[in-house]
PDB file of N, CA and C in Angstrom:
ATOM      1  N   MET A   1     -81.506-113.297  48.748  1.00  0.00           N
ATOM      2  CA  MET A   1     -82.860-113.825  48.707  1.00  0.00           C
ATOM      3  C   MET A   1     -83.860-112.688  48.543  1.00  0.00           C
ATOM      4  N   THR A   2     -84.981-113.004  47.955  1.00  0.00           N
ATOM      5  CA  THR A   2     -86.036-112.019  47.762  1.00  0.00           C
ATOM      6  C   THR A   2     -86.986-112.048  48.957  1.00  0.00           C
ATOM      7  N   GLU A   3     -88.021-111.248  48.855  1.00  0.00           N
ATOM      8  CA  GLU A   3     -89.009-111.189  49.935  1.00  0.00           C
ATOM      9  C   GLU A   3     -89.668-112.537  50.191  1.00  0.00           C
ATOM     10  N   ASN A   4     -89.827-113.350  49.160  1.00  0.00           N
ATOM     11  CA  ASN A   4     -90.476-114.652  49.293  1.00  0.00           C
ATOM     12  C   ASN A   4     -89.485-115.744  49.686  1.00  0.00           C
ATOM     13  N   ASN A   5     -88.273-115.367  50.080  1.00  0.00           N
ATOM     14  CA  ASN A   5     -87.211-116.305  50.428  1.00  0.00           C
ATOM     15  C   ASN A   5     -86.856-117.230  49.266  1.00  0.00           C
ATOM     16  N   LYS A   6     -86.992-116.717  48.070  1.00  0.00           N
ATOM     17  CA  LYS A   6     -86.634-117.466  46.873  1.00  0.00           C
ATOM     18  C   LYS A   6     -85.241-117.033  46.436  1.00  0.00           C
ATOM     19  N   ILE A   7     -84.379-117.997  46.213  1.00  0.00           N
ATOM     20  CA  ILE A   7     -83.017-117.691  45.786  1.00  0.00           C
ATOM     21  C   ILE A   7     -83.028-117.277  44.326  1.00  0.00           C
ATOM     22  N   GLU A   8     -82.409-116.143  44.023  1.00  0.00           N
ATOM     23  CA  GLU A   8     -82.323-115.680  42.644  1.00  0.00           C
ATOM     24  C   GLU A   8     -80.933-115.991  42.106  1.00  0.00           C
ATOM     25  N   ILE A   9     -80.902-116.700  40.995  1.00  0.00           N
ATOM     26  CA  ILE A   9     -79.655-117.082  40.347  1.00  0.00           C
ATOM     27  C   ILE A   9     -79.545-116.278  39.064  1.00  0.00           C
ATOM     28  N   PRO A  10     -78.377-115.678  38.803  1.00  0.00           N
ATOM     29  CA  PRO A  10     -78.226-114.934  37.546  1.00  0.00           C
ATOM     30  C   PRO A  10     -78.503-115.836  36.348  1.00  0.00           C
ATOM     31  N   ILE A  11     -79.127-115.277  35.330  1.00  0.00           N
ATOM     32  CA  ILE A  11     -79.555-116.044  34.164  1.00  0.00           C
ATOM     33  C   ILE A  11     -78.396-116.784  33.502  1.00  0.00           C
ATOM     34  N   TRP A  12     -77.206-116.197  33.497  1.00  0.00           N
ATOM     35  CA  TRP A  12     -76.056-116.824  32.844  1.00  0.00           C
ATOM     36  C   TRP A  12     -75.459-117.963  33.666  1.00  0.00           C
ATOM     37  N   GLU A  13     -75.962-118.193  34.865  1.00  0.00           N
ATOM     38  CA  GLU A  13     -75.506-119.299  35.694  1.00  0.00           C
ATOM     39  C   GLU A  13     -76.546-120.412  35.825  1.00  0.00           C
ATOM     40  N   LYS A  14     -77.739-120.196  35.326  1.00  0.00           N
ATOM     41  CA  LYS A  14     -78.798-121.191  35.430  1.00  0.00           C
ATOM     42  C   LYS A  14     -78.534-122.363  34.496  1.00  0.00           C
ATOM     43  N   THR A  15     -78.949-123.531  34.913  1.00  0.00           N
ATOM     44  CA  THR A  15     -78.838-124.727  34.083  1.00  0.00           C
ATOM     45  C   THR A  15     -79.930-124.745  33.032  1.00  0.00           C
ATOM     46  N   THR A  16     -81.149-124.403  33.435  1.00  0.00           N
ATOM     47  CA  THR A  16     -82.276-124.350  32.513  1.00  0.00           C
ATOM     48  C   THR A  16     -82.923-122.978  32.578  1.00  0.00           C
ATOM     49  N   LEU A  17     -83.544-122.607  31.472  1.00  0.00           N
ATOM     50  CA  LEU A  17     -84.203-121.309  31.367  1.00  0.00           C
ATOM     51  C   LEU A  17     -85.655-121.503  30.941  1.00  0.00           C
ATOM     52  N   SER A  18     -86.499-120.615  31.388  1.00  0.00           N
ATOM     53  CA  SER A  18     -87.863-120.592  30.861  1.00  0.00           C
ATOM     54  C   SER A  18     -87.795-120.031  29.443  1.00  0.00           C
ATOM     55  N   ILE A  19     -88.881-120.138  28.714  1.00  0.00           N
ATOM     56  CA  ILE A  19     -88.932-119.578  27.364  1.00  0.00           C
ATOM     57  C   ILE A  19     -88.664-118.070  27.424  1.00  0.00           C
ATOM     58  N   ALA A  20     -89.269-117.388  28.383  1.00  0.00           N
ATOM     59  CA  ALA A  20     -89.081-115.938  28.517  1.00  0.00           C
ATOM     60  C   ALA A  20     -87.623-115.605  28.821  1.00  0.00           C
ATOM     61  N   GLU A  21     -86.999-116.370  29.708  1.00  0.00           N
ATOM     62  CA  GLU A  21     -85.592-116.136  30.037  1.00  0.00           C
ATOM     63  C   GLU A  21     -84.691-116.404  28.834  1.00  0.00           C
ATOM     64  N   ALA A  22     -84.961-117.492  28.115  1.00  0.00           N
ATOM     65  CA  ALA A  22     -84.169-117.824  26.928  1.00  0.00           C
ATOM     66  C   ALA A  22     -84.303-116.735  25.872  1.00  0.00           C
ATOM     67  N   SER A  23     -85.482-116.166  25.754  1.00  0.00           N
ATOM     68  CA  SER A  23     -85.713-115.083  24.811  1.00  0.00           C
ATOM     69  C   SER A  23     -84.917-113.842  25.204  1.00  0.00           C
ATOM     70  N   ALA A  24     -84.985-113.473  26.469  1.00  0.00           N
ATOM     71  CA  ALA A  24     -84.244-112.307  26.953  1.00  0.00           C
ATOM     72  C   ALA A  24     -82.739-112.529  26.825  1.00  0.00           C
ATOM     73  N   TYR A  25     -82.298-113.724  27.103  1.00  0.00           N
ATOM     74  CA  TYR A  25     -80.877-114.084  27.074  1.00  0.00           C
ATOM     75  C   TYR A  25     -80.320-114.055  25.652  1.00  0.00           C
ATOM     76  N   SER A  26     -81.115-114.532  24.689  1.00  0.00           N
ATOM     77  CA  SER A  26     -80.615-114.689  23.321  1.00  0.00           C
ATOM     78  C   SER A  26     -81.033-113.585  22.366  1.00  0.00           C
ATOM     79  N   GLY A  27     -82.088-112.859  22.697  1.00  0.00           N
ATOM     80  CA  GLY A  27     -82.610-111.857  21.787  1.00  0.00           C
ATOM     81  C   GLY A  27     -83.509-112.450  20.714  1.00  0.00           C
ATOM     82  N   ILE A  28     -83.848-113.722  20.841  1.00  0.00           N
ATOM     83  CA  ILE A  28     -84.745-114.404  19.907  1.00  0.00           C
ATOM     84  C   ILE A  28     -86.140-114.382  20.513  1.00  0.00           C
ATOM     85  N   GLY A  29     -87.149-114.178  19.700  1.00  0.00           N
ATOM     86  CA  GLY A  29     -88.524-114.100  20.196  1.00  0.00           C
ATOM     87  C   GLY A  29     -89.008-115.388  20.831  1.00  0.00           C
ATOM     88  N   GLN A  30     -89.925-115.263  21.754  1.00  0.00           N
ATOM     89  CA  GLN A  30     -90.465-116.421  22.463  1.00  0.00           C
ATOM     90  C   GLN A  30     -91.171-117.388  21.517  1.00  0.00           C
ATOM     91  N   THR A  31     -91.894-116.860  20.540  1.00  0.00           N
ATOM     92  CA  THR A  31     -92.604-117.727  19.591  1.00  0.00           C
ATOM     93  C   THR A  31     -91.607-118.564  18.795  1.00  0.00           C
ATOM     94  N   LYS A  32     -90.522-117.945  18.349  1.00  0.00           N
ATOM     95  CA  LYS A  32     -89.509-118.661  17.578  1.00  0.00           C
ATOM     96  C   LYS A  32     -88.851-119.745  18.439  1.00  0.00           C
ATOM     97  N   ILE A  33     -88.536-119.437  19.682  1.00  0.00           N
ATOM     98  CA  ILE A  33     -87.925-120.430  20.573  1.00  0.00           C
ATOM     99  C   ILE A  33     -88.890-121.585  20.806  1.00  0.00           C
ATOM    100  N   ARG A  34     -90.175-121.290  20.994  1.00  0.00           N
ATOM    101  CA  ARG A  34     -91.168-122.358  21.175  1.00  0.00           C
ATOM    102  C   ARG A  34     -91.223-123.262  19.955  1.00  0.00           C
ATOM    103  N   ARG A  35     -91.176-122.664  18.761  1.00  0.00           N
ATOM    104  CA  ARG A  35     -91.182-123.466  17.532  1.00  0.00           C
ATOM    105  C   ARG A  35     -89.940-124.342  17.449  1.00  0.00           C
ATOM    106  N   MET A  36     -88.791-123.782  17.757  1.00  0.00           N
ATOM    107  CA  MET A  36     -87.542-124.542  17.719  1.00  0.00           C
ATOM    108  C   MET A  36     -87.591-125.693  18.727  1.00  0.00           C
ATOM    109  N   ALA A  37     -88.111-125.419  19.925  1.00  0.00           N
ATOM    110  CA  ALA A  37     -88.152-126.410  20.994  1.00  0.00           C
ATOM    111  C   ALA A  37     -89.181-127.502  20.741  1.00  0.00           C
ATOM    112  N   SER A  38     -90.166-127.239  19.910  1.00  0.00           N
ATOM    113  CA  SER A  38     -91.226-128.222  19.676  1.00  0.00           C
ATOM    114  C   SER A  38     -90.817-129.319  18.696  1.00  0.00           C
ATOM    115  N   ARG A  39     -89.687-129.149  18.009  1.00  0.00           N
ATOM    116  CA  ARG A  39     -89.223-130.192  17.091  1.00  0.00           C
ATOM    117  C   ARG A  39     -88.745-131.407  17.880  1.00  0.00           C
ATOM    118  N   GLU A  40     -88.997-132.591  17.345  1.00  0.00           N
ATOM    119  CA  GLU A  40     -88.611-133.824  18.042  1.00  0.00           C
ATOM    120  C   GLU A  40     -87.104-133.957  18.235  1.00  0.00           C
ATOM    121  N   ASP A  41     -86.322-133.421  17.310  1.00  0.00           N
ATOM    122  CA  ASP A  41     -84.868-133.562  17.380  1.00  0.00           C
ATOM    123  C   ASP A  41     -84.177-132.391  18.075  1.00  0.00           C
ATOM    124  N   CYS A  42     -84.934-131.577  18.796  1.00  0.00           N
ATOM    125  CA  CYS A  42     -84.363-130.398  19.452  1.00  0.00           C
ATOM    126  C   CYS A  42     -83.367-130.817  20.538  1.00  0.00           C
ATOM    127  N   PRO A  43     -82.102-130.370  20.436  1.00  0.00           N
ATOM    128  CA  PRO A  43     -81.071-130.803  21.380  1.00  0.00           C
ATOM    129  C   PRO A  43     -81.031-130.034  22.698  1.00  0.00           C
ATOM    130  N   PHE A  44     -81.826-128.974  22.816  1.00  0.00           N
ATOM    131  CA  PHE A  44     -81.705-128.134  24.014  1.00  0.00           C
ATOM    132  C   PHE A  44     -82.978-128.032  24.848  1.00  0.00           C
ATOM    133  N   VAL A  45     -83.991-128.829  24.528  1.00  0.00           N
ATOM    134  CA  VAL A  45     -85.250-128.732  25.255  1.00  0.00           C
ATOM    135  C   VAL A  45     -85.326-129.801  26.352  1.00  0.00           C
ATOM    136  N   LEU A  46     -85.951-129.436  27.455  1.00  0.00           N
ATOM    137  CA  LEU A  46     -86.222-130.363  28.556  1.00  0.00           C
ATOM    138  C   LEU A  46     -87.677-130.174  28.937  1.00  0.00           C
ATOM    139  N   TRP A  47     -88.474-131.216  28.762  1.00  0.00           N
ATOM    140  CA  TRP A  47     -89.887-131.150  29.123  1.00  0.00           C
ATOM    141  C   TRP A  47     -90.057-131.670  30.543  1.00  0.00           C
ATOM    142  N   VAL A  48     -90.692-130.873  31.377  1.00  0.00           N
ATOM    143  CA  VAL A  48     -91.046-131.264  32.738  1.00  0.00           C
ATOM    144  C   VAL A  48     -92.564-131.233  32.778  1.00  0.00           C
ATOM    145  N   GLY A  49     -93.169-132.394  32.526  1.00  0.00           N
ATOM    146  CA  GLY A  49     -94.614-132.444  32.344  1.00  0.00           C
ATOM    147  C   GLY A  49     -94.954-131.677  31.079  1.00  0.00           C
ATOM    148  N   HIS A  50     -95.781-130.651  31.210  1.00  0.00           N
ATOM    149  CA  HIS A  50     -96.138-129.815  30.066  1.00  0.00           C
ATOM    150  C   HIS A  50     -95.281-128.564  29.988  1.00  0.00           C
ATOM    151  N   LYS A  51     -94.384-128.380  30.942  1.00  0.00           N
ATOM    152  CA  LYS A  51     -93.537-127.186  30.983  1.00  0.00           C
ATOM    153  C   LYS A  51     -92.289-127.394  30.129  1.00  0.00           C
ATOM    154  N   CYS A  52     -92.027-126.435  29.275  1.00  0.00           N
ATOM    155  CA  CYS A  52     -90.873-126.487  28.391  1.00  0.00           C
ATOM    156  C   CYS A  52     -89.738-125.655  28.992  1.00  0.00           C
ATOM    157  N   LEU A  53     -88.615-126.299  29.256  1.00  0.00           N
ATOM    158  CA  LEU A  53     -87.434-125.589  29.743  1.00  0.00           C
ATOM    159  C   LEU A  53     -86.336-125.702  28.703  1.00  0.00           C
ATOM    160  N   ILE A  54     -85.470-124.707  28.666  1.00  0.00           N
ATOM    161  CA  ILE A  54     -84.374-124.659  27.715  1.00  0.00           C
ATOM    162  C   ILE A  54     -83.071-124.900  28.459  1.00  0.00           C
ATOM    163  N   LYS A  55     -82.327-125.922  28.032  1.00  0.00           N
ATOM    164  CA  LYS A  55     -81.019-126.202  28.624  1.00  0.00           C
ATOM    165  C   LYS A  55     -80.048-125.150  28.087  1.00  0.00           C
ATOM    166  N   ARG A  56     -79.564-124.290  28.986  1.00  0.00           N
ATOM    167  CA  ARG A  56     -78.806-123.109  28.585  1.00  0.00           C
ATOM    168  C   ARG A  56     -77.556-123.421  27.765  1.00  0.00           C
ATOM    169  N   LYS A  57     -76.692-124.275  28.242  1.00  0.00           N
ATOM    170  CA  LYS A  57     -75.435-124.547  27.528  1.00  0.00           C
ATOM    171  C   LYS A  57     -75.679-125.180  26.155  1.00  0.00           C
ATOM    172  N   PRO A  58     -76.512-126.237  26.057  1.00  0.00           N
ATOM    173  CA  PRO A  58     -76.796-126.767  24.721  1.00  0.00           C
ATOM    174  C   PRO A  58     -77.474-125.743  23.805  1.00  0.00           C
ATOM    175  N   PHE A  59     -78.282-124.857  24.378  1.00  0.00           N
ATOM    176  CA  PHE A  59     -78.924-123.793  23.605  1.00  0.00           C
ATOM    177  C   PHE A  59     -77.865-122.855  23.034  1.00  0.00           C
ATOM    178  N   GLU A  60     -76.919-122.450  23.867  1.00  0.00           N
ATOM    179  CA  GLU A  60     -75.821-121.593  23.407  1.00  0.00           C
ATOM    180  C   GLU A  60     -75.025-122.276  22.299  1.00  0.00           C
ATOM    181  N   GLU A  61     -74.696-123.554  22.500  1.00  0.00           N
ATOM    182  CA  GLU A  61     -73.915-124.300  21.501  1.00  0.00           C
ATOM    183  C   GLU A  61     -74.689-124.425  20.194  1.00  0.00           C
ATOM    184  N   TYR A  62     -75.981-124.665  20.302  1.00  0.00           N
ATOM    185  CA  TYR A  62     -76.831-124.773  19.120  1.00  0.00           C
ATOM    186  C   TYR A  62     -76.809-123.450  18.333  1.00  0.00           C
ATOM    187  N   LEU A  63     -76.962-122.347  19.045  1.00  0.00           N
ATOM    188  CA  LEU A  63     -76.999-121.050  18.377  1.00  0.00           C
ATOM    189  C   LEU A  63     -75.650-120.702  17.742  1.00  0.00           C
ATOM    190  N   GLU A  64     -74.566-121.101  18.367  1.00  0.00           N
ATOM    191  CA  GLU A  64     -73.241-120.822  17.824  1.00  0.00           C
ATOM    192  C   GLU A  64     -73.047-121.458  16.451  1.00  0.00           C
ATOM    193  N   GLY A  65     -73.715-122.562  16.191  1.00  0.00           N
ATOM    194  CA  GLY A  65     -73.572-123.271  14.923  1.00  0.00           C
ATOM    195  C   GLY A  65     -74.510-122.782  13.832  1.00  0.00           C
ATOM    196  N   LEU A  66     -75.362-121.814  14.128  1.00  0.00           N
ATOM    197  CA  LEU A  66     -76.342-121.334  13.158  1.00  0.00           C
ATOM    198  C   LEU A  66     -75.888-120.056  12.456  1.00  0.00           C
ATOM    199  N   PHE A  67     -76.341-119.913  11.223  1.00  0.00           N
ATOM    200  CA  PHE A  67     -76.117-118.676  10.471  1.00  0.00           C
ATOM    201  C   PHE A  67     -77.337-117.772  10.594  1.00  0.00           C
ATOM    202  N   SER A  68     -78.525-118.384  10.600  1.00  0.00           N
ATOM    203  CA  SER A  68     -79.756-117.627  10.753  1.00  0.00           C
ATOM    204  C   SER A  68     -80.777-118.473  11.500  1.00  0.00           C
ATOM    205  N   VAL A  69     -81.767-117.793  12.056  1.00  0.00           N
ATOM    206  CA  VAL A  69     -82.812-118.477  12.817  1.00  0.00           C
ATOM    207  C   VAL A  69     -84.144-118.226  12.150  1.00  0.00           C
TER     208      VAL A  69
END
């Protein structure tokens, strides 16, 4: 636990990632991830109100099927 008693989970074990975490995890820029996530047919986005979260496993699977971004 950290000073604020917040549990820290390694990024590769998280179910969902913030845009910044997804960017760090994948090496893809935050702007590009936001554009990808804003499409209606995006398979890896989870909206919590106005907050955009990235579902890690579907994001990984999506990227595995791509040649370029």
